[in-house]
Structures are given as structure tokens and as C-alpha cells.
Amino acid sequence: MGIGFHGVRLPLVILLGLGVSRALFFAATALTIGHLNILPSRLPSC
């Protein structure tokens, strides 16, 4: 039972970890792209 539990839990943990890391990566890239797009548009107006 323990082996089956680990066999089922391990892929779920790996998928969960990949999903979290991918979500954080996309959030970081979106923030950096947003900052790069906002800064040049704010400089001329200022």
C-alpha cells in the first residue's frame, strides 16, 4: 500500500512542482515585460 501511495503521489508532486515553477516563471516574465513596456512610455511623458 505504501509503494502504491508513493507511486501515485510522486508524479502528482512532480506535476505540481512543475506547474508552480512554470506559473512563477510566466509571472516573472510577464512582470519584466510589463516593466519594460511601462518604463519607456513613462519616461517621455515625465
C-alpha atoms as a PDB file:
ATOM      1  CA  MET A   1       0.000   0.000   0.000  1.00  0.00           C
ATOM      2  CA  GLY A   2       2.863   2.332   0.842  1.00  0.00           C
ATOM      3  CA  ILE A   3       4.523   1.657  -2.515  1.00  0.00           C
ATOM      4  CA  GLY A   4       1.269   2.308  -4.377  1.00  0.00           C
ATOM      5  CA  PHE A   5       0.723   5.509  -2.394  1.00  0.00           C
ATOM      6  CA  HIS A   6       4.217   6.741  -3.237  1.00  0.00           C
ATOM      7  CA  GLY A   7       3.805   5.598  -6.850  1.00  0.00           C
ATOM      8  CA  VAL A   8       0.679   7.746  -7.129  1.00  0.00           C
ATOM      9  CA  ARG A   9       1.930  10.660  -5.058  1.00  0.00           C
ATOM     10  CA  LEU A  10       5.350  11.118  -6.679  1.00  0.00           C
ATOM     11  CA  PRO A  11       4.046  12.011 -10.177  1.00  0.00           C
ATOM     12  CA  LEU A  12       1.455  14.325  -8.614  1.00  0.00           C
ATOM     13  CA  VAL A  13       4.161  16.112  -6.609  1.00  0.00           C
ATOM     14  CA  ILE A  14       6.369  16.409  -9.704  1.00  0.00           C
ATOM     15  CA  LEU A  15       3.495  17.748 -11.814  1.00  0.00           C
ATOM     16  CA  LEU A  16       2.525  20.151  -9.032  1.00  0.00           C
ATOM     17  CA  GLY A  17       6.118  21.366  -8.702  1.00  0.00           C
ATOM     18  CA  LEU A  18       6.430  21.852 -12.470  1.00  0.00           C
ATOM     19  CA  GLY A  19       3.129  23.715 -12.559  1.00  0.00           C
ATOM     20  CA  VAL A  20       4.160  26.043  -9.715  1.00  0.00           C
ATOM     21  CA  SER A  21       7.619  26.700 -11.164  1.00  0.00           C
ATOM     22  CA  ARG A  22       6.109  27.304 -14.607  1.00  0.00           C
ATOM     23  CA  ALA A  23       3.479  29.656 -13.166  1.00  0.00           C
ATOM     24  CA  LEU A  24       6.182  31.596 -11.284  1.00  0.00           C
ATOM     25  CA  PHE A  25       8.316  31.736 -14.451  1.00  0.00           C
ATOM     26  CA  PHE A  26       5.421  33.085 -16.526  1.00  0.00           C
ATOM     27  CA  ALA A  27       4.551  35.602 -13.785  1.00  0.00           C
ATOM     28  CA  ALA A  28       8.170  36.808 -13.634  1.00  0.00           C
ATOM     29  CA  THR A  29       8.410  37.142 -17.419  1.00  0.00           C
ATOM     30  CA  ALA A  30       5.059  38.949 -17.548  1.00  0.00           C
ATOM     31  CA  LEU A  31       6.199  41.374 -14.826  1.00  0.00           C
ATOM     32  CA  THR A  32       9.536  42.063 -16.546  1.00  0.00           C
ATOM     33  CA  ILE A  33       7.813  42.573 -19.914  1.00  0.00           C
ATOM     34  CA  GLY A  34       5.257  44.833 -18.236  1.00  0.00           C
ATOM     35  CA  HIS A  35       8.014  46.914 -16.605  1.00  0.00           C
ATOM     36  CA  LEU A  36       9.931  47.147 -19.895  1.00  0.00           C
ATOM     37  CA  ASN A  37       6.769  48.322 -21.660  1.00  0.00           C
ATOM     38  CA  ILE A  38       5.774  50.785 -18.900  1.00  0.00           C
ATOM     39  CA  LEU A  39       9.170  52.431 -18.321  1.00  0.00           C
ATOM     40  CA  PRO A  40       9.769  53.707 -21.894  1.00  0.00           C
ATOM     41  CA  SER A  41       6.188  55.035 -22.129  1.00  0.00           C
ATOM     42  CA  ARG A  42       6.521  56.871 -18.787  1.00  0.00           C
ATOM     43  CA  LEU A  43       9.908  58.478 -19.489  1.00  0.00           C
ATOM     44  CA  PRO A  44       8.787  60.772 -22.372  1.00  0.00           C
ATOM     45  CA  SER A  45       5.616  61.873 -20.525  1.00  0.00           C
ATOM     46  CA  CYS A  46       7.709  62.755 -17.468  1.00  0.00           C
END
